[in-house]
């Protein structure tokens, strides 16, 4: 069956049919047809590429009403279209439905970015959801710790030897099944991951004196991605855990470590926590 489809696609391509026409005839996805054509040395021609590029640039199949609906759906109701759409390369004016701030964005941003945010409030429902999830996990750990303490109190009344086996070297209570507490296990894991990341970079140069406070003073407190000032006070403390907000400063590598960047003063810049997260491993 597979061989028959491959031969049919090749024969149609040799007869001068385009990729879209072949997809309609054989009822196969564009990805599969392209794979078969490229494997046979009959991929997309320069003329077909130029035709598709012109169709996208001129926006022949899209109207301003379509752009309005597309922006609203892509931003999940956070941004409302105002004006400015002419084609796929145009810059449009949008309005935030939460704070009412009017701003200008490139239309290609909505096509290439998964979550488009407002430049003023930077509201991100996914970050809020993750924050609530972390708070719930902390509360569950606290309840589990109380149960363990009560269990250890009962063990202490019966045998002191068993009690000494339930404490870590740092003095924290631990699960009897493990040699360390969850904090020491996490710290050791982070240390191993850091060493692995630096080993991937050949002749890696690491400046160990890089700190967030020194970088904040060096860049005068401004985010190099959006140009706005970072806020040291954008954080809250819940049950001894510090949760940083979107405007809190962070250390960002201009060339990411995953792509060969170095942890040196020449490669680090100050950025908002949310800007750093959205940038991910891209090179700005």
C-alpha atoms as a PDB file:
ATOM      1  CA  UNK A   1       0.000   0.000   0.000  1.00  0.00           C
ATOM      2  CA  UNK A   2       2.779   2.392   0.924  1.00  0.00           C
ATOM      3  CA  UNK A   3       4.778   1.597  -2.224  1.00  0.00           C
ATOM      4  CA  UNK A   4       1.716   2.172  -4.408  1.00  0.00           C
ATOM      5  CA  UNK A   5       1.096   5.639  -2.936  1.00  0.00           C
ATOM      6  CA  UNK A   6       4.779   6.551  -3.379  1.00  0.00           C
ATOM      7  CA  UNK A   7       4.784   5.515  -7.056  1.00  0.00           C
ATOM      8  CA  UNK A   8       1.522   7.378  -7.681  1.00  0.00           C
ATOM      9  CA  UNK A   9       2.847  10.584  -6.083  1.00  0.00           C
ATOM     10  CA  UNK A  10       6.045  10.348  -8.173  1.00  0.00           C
ATOM     11  CA  UNK A  11       4.107   9.841 -11.408  1.00  0.00           C
ATOM     12  CA  UNK A  12       1.798  12.788 -10.669  1.00  0.00           C
ATOM     13  CA  UNK A  13       4.774  14.987  -9.831  1.00  0.00           C
ATOM     14  CA  UNK A  14       6.533  14.035 -13.077  1.00  0.00           C
ATOM     15  CA  UNK A  15       3.377  14.898 -15.022  1.00  0.00           C
ATOM     16  CA  UNK A  16       3.637  18.496 -13.767  1.00  0.00           C
ATOM     17  CA  UNK A  17       1.102  18.488 -10.924  1.00  0.00           C
ATOM     18  CA  UNK A  18       1.650  20.850  -7.977  1.00  0.00           C
ATOM     19  CA  UNK A  19       1.907  19.717  -4.351  1.00  0.00           C
ATOM     20  CA  UNK A  20      -1.623  20.942  -3.511  1.00  0.00           C
ATOM     21  CA  UNK A  21      -3.133  19.186  -6.517  1.00  0.00           C
ATOM     22  CA  UNK A  22      -1.413  15.924  -5.579  1.00  0.00           C
ATOM     23  CA  UNK A  23      -2.753  16.212  -2.013  1.00  0.00           C
ATOM     24  CA  UNK A  24      -6.318  16.487  -3.355  1.00  0.00           C
ATOM     25  CA  UNK A  25      -5.910  13.559  -5.765  1.00  0.00           C
ATOM     26  CA  UNK A  26      -4.287  11.020  -3.391  1.00  0.00           C
ATOM     27  CA  UNK A  27      -6.100  12.368  -0.288  1.00  0.00           C
ATOM     28  CA  UNK A  28      -2.853  12.566   1.720  1.00  0.00           C
ATOM     29  CA  UNK A  29      -1.537  15.280   4.019  1.00  0.00           C
ATOM     30  CA  UNK A  30       0.794  17.955   2.623  1.00  0.00           C
ATOM     31  CA  UNK A  31       3.544  16.830   4.977  1.00  0.00           C
ATOM     32  CA  UNK A  32       3.495  13.247   3.655  1.00  0.00           C
ATOM     33  CA  UNK A  33       3.405  14.333  -0.006  1.00  0.00           C
ATOM     34  CA  UNK A  34       6.313  16.740   0.521  1.00  0.00           C
ATOM     35  CA  UNK A  35       8.318  14.011   2.251  1.00  0.00           C
ATOM     36  CA  UNK A  36       7.833  11.612  -0.675  1.00  0.00           C
ATOM     37  CA  UNK A  37       8.670  14.305  -3.263  1.00  0.00           C
ATOM     38  CA  UNK A  38      11.813  15.457  -1.450  1.00  0.00           C
ATOM     39  CA  UNK A  39      12.989  11.867  -1.059  1.00  0.00           C
ATOM     40  CA  UNK A  40      12.601  11.430  -4.825  1.00  0.00           C
ATOM     41  CA  UNK A  41      14.399  14.724  -5.546  1.00  0.00           C
ATOM     42  CA  UNK A  42      11.238  16.490  -6.704  1.00  0.00           C
ATOM     43  CA  UNK A  43      10.553  18.939  -3.865  1.00  0.00           C
ATOM     44  CA  UNK A  44       8.966  22.378  -3.976  1.00  0.00           C
ATOM     45  CA  UNK A  45      10.311  24.489  -6.832  1.00  0.00           C
ATOM     46  CA  UNK A  46      11.378  28.124  -6.545  1.00  0.00           C
ATOM     47  CA  UNK A  47       8.335  29.194  -8.563  1.00  0.00           C
ATOM     48  CA  UNK A  48       5.952  27.454  -6.148  1.00  0.00           C
ATOM     49  CA  UNK A  49       7.742  29.015  -3.177  1.00  0.00           C
ATOM     50  CA  UNK A  50       7.427  32.489  -4.681  1.00  0.00           C
ATOM     51  CA  UNK A  51       3.712  31.948  -5.404  1.00  0.00           C
ATOM     52  CA  UNK A  52       3.028  30.855  -1.818  1.00  0.00           C
ATOM     53  CA  UNK A  53       5.093  33.768  -0.490  1.00  0.00           C
ATOM     54  CA  UNK A  54       3.146  36.280  -2.594  1.00  0.00           C
ATOM     55  CA  UNK A  55      -0.150  34.792  -1.466  1.00  0.00           C
ATOM     56  CA  UNK A  56       0.840  35.211   2.197  1.00  0.00           C
ATOM     57  CA  UNK A  57       2.343  38.692   1.817  1.00  0.00           C
ATOM     58  CA  UNK A  58      -0.581  40.145  -0.127  1.00  0.00           C
ATOM     59  CA  UNK A  59      -3.154  38.541   2.156  1.00  0.00           C
ATOM     60  CA  UNK A  60      -5.360  37.587  -0.793  1.00  0.00           C
ATOM     61  CA  UNK A  61      -7.582  35.266   1.234  1.00  0.00           C
ATOM     62  CA  UNK A  62      -7.786  37.326   4.444  1.00  0.00           C
ATOM     63  CA  UNK A  63      -9.834  40.415   5.276  1.00  0.00           C
ATOM     64  CA  UNK A  64      -9.783  42.884   8.140  1.00  0.00           C
ATOM     65  CA  UNK A  65     -12.745  41.080   9.729  1.00  0.00           C
ATOM     66  CA  UNK A  66     -10.750  37.834   9.656  1.00  0.00           C
ATOM     67  CA  UNK A  67      -7.759  39.588  11.261  1.00  0.00           C
ATOM     68  CA  UNK A  68     -10.019  40.916  14.048  1.00  0.00           C
ATOM     69  CA  UNK A  69     -11.302  37.426  14.853  1.00  0.00           C
ATOM     70  CA  UNK A  70      -7.823  35.861  14.502  1.00  0.00           C
ATOM     71  CA  UNK A  71      -6.203  38.309  16.963  1.00  0.00           C
ATOM     72  CA  UNK A  72      -9.007  37.833  19.503  1.00  0.00           C
ATOM     73  CA  UNK A  73      -8.731  34.028  19.354  1.00  0.00           C
ATOM     74  CA  UNK A  74      -4.913  33.934  19.278  1.00  0.00           C
ATOM     75  CA  UNK A  75      -4.639  36.166  22.378  1.00  0.00           C
ATOM     76  CA  UNK A  76      -7.466  34.196  24.054  1.00  0.00           C
ATOM     77  CA  UNK A  77      -9.568  37.322  24.514  1.00  0.00           C
ATOM     78  CA  UNK A  78      -6.812  39.430  26.100  1.00  0.00           C
ATOM     79  CA  UNK A  79      -6.314  41.758  23.092  1.00  0.00           C
ATOM     80  CA  UNK A  80      -8.935  43.449  20.888  1.00  0.00           C
ATOM     81  CA  UNK A  81      -8.197  44.564  17.309  1.00  0.00           C
ATOM     82  CA  UNK A  82      -8.609  48.292  16.535  1.00  0.00           C
ATOM     83  CA  UNK A  83      -7.113  49.076  13.102  1.00  0.00           C
ATOM     84  CA  UNK A  84      -4.072  48.868  10.817  1.00  0.00           C
ATOM     85  CA  UNK A  85      -4.384  45.467   9.074  1.00  0.00           C
ATOM     86  CA  UNK A  86      -3.559  45.430   5.360  1.00  0.00           C
ATOM     87  CA  UNK A  87      -1.563  42.208   4.912  1.00  0.00           C
ATOM     88  CA  UNK A  88       0.425  39.637   6.880  1.00  0.00           C
ATOM     89  CA  UNK A  89       3.417  41.988   7.276  1.00  0.00           C
ATOM     90  CA  UNK A  90       1.444  44.983   8.581  1.00  0.00           C
ATOM     91  CA  UNK A  91       1.501  46.467  12.094  1.00  0.00           C
ATOM     92  CA  UNK A  92      -1.859  46.564  13.847  1.00  0.00           C
ATOM     93  CA  UNK A  93      -3.249  48.576  16.754  1.00  0.00           C
ATOM     94  CA  UNK A  94      -4.759  46.489  19.558  1.00  0.00           C
ATOM     95  CA  UNK A  95      -6.292  47.203  22.972  1.00  0.00           C
ATOM     96  CA  UNK A  96      -5.879  45.175  26.160  1.00  0.00           C
ATOM     97  CA  UNK A  97      -9.251  43.990  27.506  1.00  0.00           C
ATOM     98  CA  UNK A  98      -7.914  43.926  31.068  1.00  0.00           C
ATOM     99  CA  UNK A  99      -6.159  47.299  31.543  1.00  0.00           C
ATOM    100  CA  UNK A 100      -7.375  49.164  28.416  1.00  0.00           C
ATOM    101  CA  UNK A 101      -3.865  50.013  27.188  1.00  0.00           C
ATOM    102  CA  UNK A 102      -3.657  50.646  23.404  1.00  0.00           C
ATOM    103  CA  UNK A 103      -0.490  49.425  21.705  1.00  0.00           C
ATOM    104  CA  UNK A 104       0.944  48.587  18.292  1.00  0.00           C
ATOM    105  CA  UNK A 105       2.135  45.082  17.422  1.00  0.00           C
ATOM    106  CA  UNK A 106       3.377  43.342  14.299  1.00  0.00           C
ATOM    107  CA  UNK A 107       0.768  40.951  12.938  1.00  0.00           C
ATOM    108  CA  UNK A 108       3.445  38.279  12.495  1.00  0.00           C
ATOM    109  CA  UNK A 109       3.742  38.219  16.314  1.00  0.00           C
ATOM    110  CA  UNK A 110       0.321  36.605  16.559  1.00  0.00           C
ATOM    111  CA  UNK A 111       1.324  34.001  13.963  1.00  0.00           C
ATOM    112  CA  UNK A 112       4.656  32.985  15.512  1.00  0.00           C
ATOM    113  CA  UNK A 113       4.112  33.496  19.280  1.00  0.00           C
ATOM    114  CA  UNK A 114       2.068  31.043  21.300  1.00  0.00           C
ATOM    115  CA  UNK A 115       0.884  33.477  24.020  1.00  0.00           C
ATOM    116  CA  UNK A 116       0.771  37.178  23.074  1.00  0.00           C
ATOM    117  CA  UNK A 117       0.727  39.454  26.152  1.00  0.00           C
ATOM    118  CA  UNK A 118      -0.087  43.107  26.813  1.00  0.00           C
ATOM    119  CA  UNK A 119       2.987  45.366  27.021  1.00  0.00           C
ATOM    120  CA  UNK A 120       1.554  47.223  30.049  1.00  0.00           C
ATOM    121  CA  UNK A 121       0.110  44.617  32.420  1.00  0.00           C
ATOM    122  CA  UNK A 122       1.870  41.515  31.040  1.00  0.00           C
ATOM    123  CA  UNK A 123      -1.004  39.385  32.312  1.00  0.00           C
ATOM    124  CA  UNK A 124      -0.285  35.704  31.795  1.00  0.00           C
ATOM    125  CA  UNK A 125      -3.035  33.286  32.969  1.00  0.00           C
ATOM    126  CA  UNK A 126      -0.698  30.300  32.577  1.00  0.00           C
ATOM    127  CA  UNK A 127       1.804  31.815  35.017  1.00  0.00           C
ATOM    128  CA  UNK A 128      -1.007  32.496  37.503  1.00  0.00           C
ATOM    129  CA  UNK A 129      -2.221  28.918  37.173  1.00  0.00           C
ATOM    130  CA  UNK A 130       1.286  27.548  37.759  1.00  0.00           C
ATOM    131  CA  UNK A 131       1.705  29.839  40.773  1.00  0.00           C
ATOM    132  CA  UNK A 132      -1.508  28.528  42.339  1.00  0.00           C
ATOM    133  CA  UNK A 133      -0.348  24.986  41.647  1.00  0.00           C
ATOM    134  CA  UNK A 134       2.989  25.626  43.411  1.00  0.00           C
ATOM    135  CA  UNK A 135       1.176  27.107  46.438  1.00  0.00           C
ATOM    136  CA  UNK A 136      -1.045  24.023  46.623  1.00  0.00           C
ATOM    137  CA  UNK A 137       2.003  21.733  46.452  1.00  0.00           C
ATOM    138  CA  UNK A 138       3.639  23.675  49.302  1.00  0.00           C
ATOM    139  CA  UNK A 139       0.512  23.275  51.427  1.00  0.00           C
ATOM    140  CA  UNK A 140       0.422  19.533  50.724  1.00  0.00           C
ATOM    141  CA  UNK A 141       4.085  19.210  51.717  1.00  0.00           C
ATOM    142  CA  UNK A 142       3.380  21.120  54.911  1.00  0.00           C
ATOM    143  CA  UNK A 143       0.545  18.740  55.830  1.00  0.00           C
ATOM    144  CA  UNK A 144       2.766  15.753  55.034  1.00  0.00           C
ATOM    145  CA  UNK A 145       5.514  17.202  57.260  1.00  0.00           C
ATOM    146  CA  UNK A 146       3.084  17.565  60.155  1.00  0.00           C
ATOM    147  CA  UNK A 147       2.069  13.925  59.760  1.00  0.00           C
ATOM    148  CA  UNK A 148       5.741  12.869  59.744  1.00  0.00           C
ATOM    149  CA  UNK A 149       6.470  14.897  62.859  1.00  0.00           C
ATOM    150  CA  UNK A 150       3.587  13.254  64.666  1.00  0.00           C
ATOM    151  CA  UNK A 151       4.864   9.867  63.534  1.00  0.00           C
ATOM    152  CA  UNK A 152       8.359  10.681  64.798  1.00  0.00           C
ATOM    153  CA  UNK A 153       6.932  11.766  68.129  1.00  0.00           C
ATOM    154  CA  UNK A 154       5.350   8.346  68.484  1.00  0.00           C
ATOM    155  CA  UNK A 155       8.599   6.656  67.417  1.00  0.00           C
ATOM    156  CA  UNK A 156      10.520   8.703  69.983  1.00  0.00           C
ATOM    157  CA  UNK A 157       8.332   7.382  72.730  1.00  0.00           C
ATOM    158  CA  UNK A 158       9.159   3.824  71.656  1.00  0.00           C
ATOM    159  CA  UNK A 159      12.752   3.837  70.299  1.00  0.00           C
ATOM    160  CA  UNK A 160      15.334   6.635  70.091  1.00  0.00           C
ATOM    161  CA  UNK A 161      17.446   4.657  67.561  1.00  0.00           C
ATOM    162  CA  UNK A 162      14.676   4.721  64.936  1.00  0.00           C
ATOM    163  CA  UNK A 163      14.205   8.446  65.509  1.00  0.00           C
ATOM    164  CA  UNK A 164      17.873   9.241  64.742  1.00  0.00           C
ATOM    165  CA  UNK A 165      17.538   7.438  61.396  1.00  0.00           C
ATOM    166  CA  UNK A 166      14.774   9.821  60.251  1.00  0.00           C
ATOM    167  CA  UNK A 167      16.876  13.035  60.242  1.00  0.00           C
ATOM    168  CA  UNK A 168      19.124  14.318  57.466  1.00  0.00           C
ATOM    169  CA  UNK A 169      22.712  15.561  57.935  1.00  0.00           C
ATOM    170  CA  UNK A 170      21.424  19.151  57.673  1.00  0.00           C
ATOM    171  CA  UNK A 171      19.088  18.571  60.621  1.00  0.00           C
ATOM    172  CA  UNK A 172      15.829  18.424  58.640  1.00  0.00           C
ATOM    173  CA  UNK A 173      13.344  15.582  58.940  1.00  0.00           C
ATOM    174  CA  UNK A 174      13.624  13.105  56.052  1.00  0.00           C
ATOM    175  CA  UNK A 175      11.752  10.145  54.661  1.00  0.00           C
ATOM    176  CA  UNK A 176      13.208   6.934  56.208  1.00  0.00           C
ATOM    177  CA  UNK A 177      13.438   5.436  52.690  1.00  0.00           C
ATOM    178  CA  UNK A 178      16.027   8.038  51.577  1.00  0.00           C
ATOM    179  CA  UNK A 179      19.418   9.086  52.924  1.00  0.00           C
ATOM    180  CA  UNK A 180      18.733  12.840  52.536  1.00  0.00           C
ATOM    181  CA  UNK A 181      15.806  15.218  52.914  1.00  0.00           C
ATOM    182  CA  UNK A 182      13.985  16.546  49.838  1.00  0.00           C
ATOM    183  CA  UNK A 183      15.857  19.893  50.043  1.00  0.00           C
ATOM    184  CA  UNK A 184      19.302  18.239  49.959  1.00  0.00           C
ATOM    185  CA  UNK A 185      18.208  15.902  47.141  1.00  0.00           C
ATOM    186  CA  UNK A 186      16.988  18.857  45.071  1.00  0.00           C
ATOM    187  CA  UNK A 187      20.180  20.869  45.746  1.00  0.00           C
ATOM    188  CA  UNK A 188      22.352  17.929  44.658  1.00  0.00           C
ATOM    189  CA  UNK A 189      20.276  17.460  41.512  1.00  0.00           C
ATOM    190  CA  UNK A 190      20.598  21.156  40.608  1.00  0.00           C
ATOM    191  CA  UNK A 191      24.359  20.973  41.119  1.00  0.00           C
ATOM    192  CA  UNK A 192      24.655  17.941  38.818  1.00  0.00           C
ATOM    193  CA  UNK A 193      22.566  19.629  36.122  1.00  0.00           C
ATOM    194  CA  UNK A 194      24.709  22.770  36.340  1.00  0.00           C
ATOM    195  CA  UNK A 195      27.901  20.751  35.894  1.00  0.00           C
ATOM    196  CA  UNK A 196      26.402  18.898  32.910  1.00  0.00           C
ATOM    197  CA  UNK A 197      25.414  22.174  31.261  1.00  0.00           C
ATOM    198  CA  UNK A 198      28.932  23.592  31.597  1.00  0.00           C
ATOM    199  CA  UNK A 199      30.543  20.380  30.366  1.00  0.00           C
ATOM    200  CA  UNK A 200      28.592  20.646  27.108  1.00  0.00           C
ATOM    201  CA  UNK A 201      30.375  23.888  26.286  1.00  0.00           C
ATOM    202  CA  UNK A 202      33.955  23.273  25.149  1.00  0.00           C
ATOM    203  CA  UNK A 203      36.525  25.392  27.027  1.00  0.00           C
ATOM    204  CA  UNK A 204      33.655  26.970  28.995  1.00  0.00           C
ATOM    205  CA  UNK A 205      34.573  30.232  30.706  1.00  0.00           C
ATOM    206  CA  UNK A 206      32.492  30.831  33.844  1.00  0.00           C
ATOM    207  CA  UNK A 207      32.571  34.086  35.834  1.00  0.00           C
ATOM    208  CA  UNK A 208      31.704  32.957  39.353  1.00  0.00           C
ATOM    209  CA  UNK A 209      31.336  36.539  40.610  1.00  0.00           C
ATOM    210  CA  UNK A 210      28.133  37.114  38.589  1.00  0.00           C
ATOM    211  CA  UNK A 211      25.234  37.912  40.927  1.00  0.00           C
ATOM    212  CA  UNK A 212      21.796  39.393  40.377  1.00  0.00           C
ATOM    213  CA  UNK A 213      22.571  42.421  42.547  1.00  0.00           C
ATOM    214  CA  UNK A 214      25.789  43.256  40.629  1.00  0.00           C
ATOM    215  CA  UNK A 215      24.058  42.791  37.274  1.00  0.00           C
ATOM    216  CA  UNK A 216      21.179  45.033  38.413  1.00  0.00           C
ATOM    217  CA  UNK A 217      23.697  47.770  39.285  1.00  0.00           C
ATOM    218  CA  UNK A 218      25.621  47.271  36.023  1.00  0.00           C
ATOM    219  CA  UNK A 219      22.512  47.589  33.781  1.00  0.00           C
ATOM    220  CA  UNK A 220      20.970  50.338  35.978  1.00  0.00           C
ATOM    221  CA  UNK A 221      17.891  48.213  36.640  1.00  0.00           C
ATOM    222  CA  UNK A 222      16.499  48.208  33.070  1.00  0.00           C
ATOM    223  CA  UNK A 223      15.376  45.117  31.138  1.00  0.00           C
ATOM    224  CA  UNK A 224      17.302  44.865  27.880  1.00  0.00           C
ATOM    225  CA  UNK A 225      14.426  43.069  26.097  1.00  0.00           C
ATOM    226  CA  UNK A 226      11.506  45.491  26.635  1.00  0.00           C
ATOM    227  CA  UNK A 227      13.437  48.522  27.961  1.00  0.00           C
ATOM    228  CA  UNK A 228      11.302  48.920  31.112  1.00  0.00           C
ATOM    229  CA  UNK A 229      12.622  49.100  34.683  1.00  0.00           C
ATOM    230  CA  UNK A 230      12.728  45.985  36.859  1.00  0.00           C
ATOM    231  CA  UNK A 231      11.059  45.932  40.281  1.00  0.00           C
ATOM    232  CA  UNK A 232      12.891  44.372  43.241  1.00  0.00           C
ATOM    233  CA  UNK A 233       9.711  44.469  45.357  1.00  0.00           C
ATOM    234  CA  UNK A 234       7.616  42.427  42.909  1.00  0.00           C
ATOM    235  CA  UNK A 235       7.599  39.324  45.113  1.00  0.00           C
ATOM    236  CA  UNK A 236       5.495  37.765  47.844  1.00  0.00           C
ATOM    237  CA  UNK A 237       6.320  35.359  50.654  1.00  0.00           C
ATOM    238  CA  UNK A 238       3.896  32.535  51.419  1.00  0.00           C
ATOM    239  CA  UNK A 239       4.695  30.004  54.145  1.00  0.00           C
ATOM    240  CA  UNK A 240       8.391  30.871  53.957  1.00  0.00           C
ATOM    241  CA  UNK A 241       8.499  30.499  50.166  1.00  0.00           C
ATOM    242  CA  UNK A 242       9.324  33.574  48.032  1.00  0.00           C
ATOM    243  CA  UNK A 243       7.268  33.804  44.819  1.00  0.00           C
ATOM    244  CA  UNK A 244       8.643  36.306  42.276  1.00  0.00           C
ATOM    245  CA  UNK A 245       6.345  38.347  40.030  1.00  0.00           C
ATOM    246  CA  UNK A 246       6.595  39.119  36.326  1.00  0.00           C
ATOM    247  CA  UNK A 247       8.530  42.399  36.836  1.00  0.00           C
ATOM    248  CA  UNK A 248      11.174  40.846  39.144  1.00  0.00           C
ATOM    249  CA  UNK A 249      14.732  40.989  37.683  1.00  0.00           C
ATOM    250  CA  UNK A 250      16.570  37.918  36.453  1.00  0.00           C
ATOM    251  CA  UNK A 251      19.862  36.972  34.783  1.00  0.00           C
ATOM    252  CA  UNK A 252      19.458  36.268  31.069  1.00  0.00           C
ATOM    253  CA  UNK A 253      22.095  34.854  28.721  1.00  0.00           C
ATOM    254  CA  UNK A 254      22.093  36.731  25.383  1.00  0.00           C
ATOM    255  CA  UNK A 255      23.377  33.603  23.629  1.00  0.00           C
ATOM    256  CA  UNK A 256      21.687  30.743  25.555  1.00  0.00           C
ATOM    257  CA  UNK A 257      23.841  28.130  27.261  1.00  0.00           C
ATOM    258  CA  UNK A 258      21.962  25.472  25.265  1.00  0.00           C
ATOM    259  CA  UNK A 259      23.315  27.053  22.056  1.00  0.00           C
ATOM    260  CA  UNK A 260      26.946  27.430  23.148  1.00  0.00           C
ATOM    261  CA  UNK A 261      26.750  30.666  25.156  1.00  0.00           C
ATOM    262  CA  UNK A 262      29.057  31.282  28.114  1.00  0.00           C
ATOM    263  CA  UNK A 263      28.220  32.273  31.672  1.00  0.00           C
ATOM    264  CA  UNK A 264      30.387  35.399  31.503  1.00  0.00           C
ATOM    265  CA  UNK A 265      29.875  39.131  31.968  1.00  0.00           C
ATOM    266  CA  UNK A 266      29.936  39.659  28.202  1.00  0.00           C
ATOM    267  CA  UNK A 267      27.000  37.272  27.712  1.00  0.00           C
ATOM    268  CA  UNK A 268      24.657  38.177  30.602  1.00  0.00           C
ATOM    269  CA  UNK A 269      22.010  40.921  30.664  1.00  0.00           C
ATOM    270  CA  UNK A 270      19.301  42.005  33.085  1.00  0.00           C
ATOM    271  CA  UNK A 271      15.728  41.059  32.115  1.00  0.00           C
ATOM    272  CA  UNK A 272      12.272  40.791  33.635  1.00  0.00           C
ATOM    273  CA  UNK A 273      11.367  37.320  34.807  1.00  0.00           C
ATOM    274  CA  UNK A 274       8.453  37.174  32.337  1.00  0.00           C
ATOM    275  CA  UNK A 275      10.603  38.511  29.456  1.00  0.00           C
ATOM    276  CA  UNK A 276      13.265  35.916  30.231  1.00  0.00           C
ATOM    277  CA  UNK A 277      10.653  33.129  30.261  1.00  0.00           C
ATOM    278  CA  UNK A 278       9.096  34.201  26.959  1.00  0.00           C
ATOM    279  CA  UNK A 279      12.508  34.537  25.309  1.00  0.00           C
ATOM    280  CA  UNK A 280      13.319  30.939  26.289  1.00  0.00           C
ATOM    281  CA  UNK A 281      16.372  29.694  24.281  1.00  0.00           C
ATOM    282  CA  UNK A 282      15.977  32.179  21.429  1.00  0.00           C
ATOM    283  CA  UNK A 283      18.673  34.702  20.449  1.00  0.00           C
ATOM    284  CA  UNK A 284      17.249  38.252  20.530  1.00  0.00           C
END
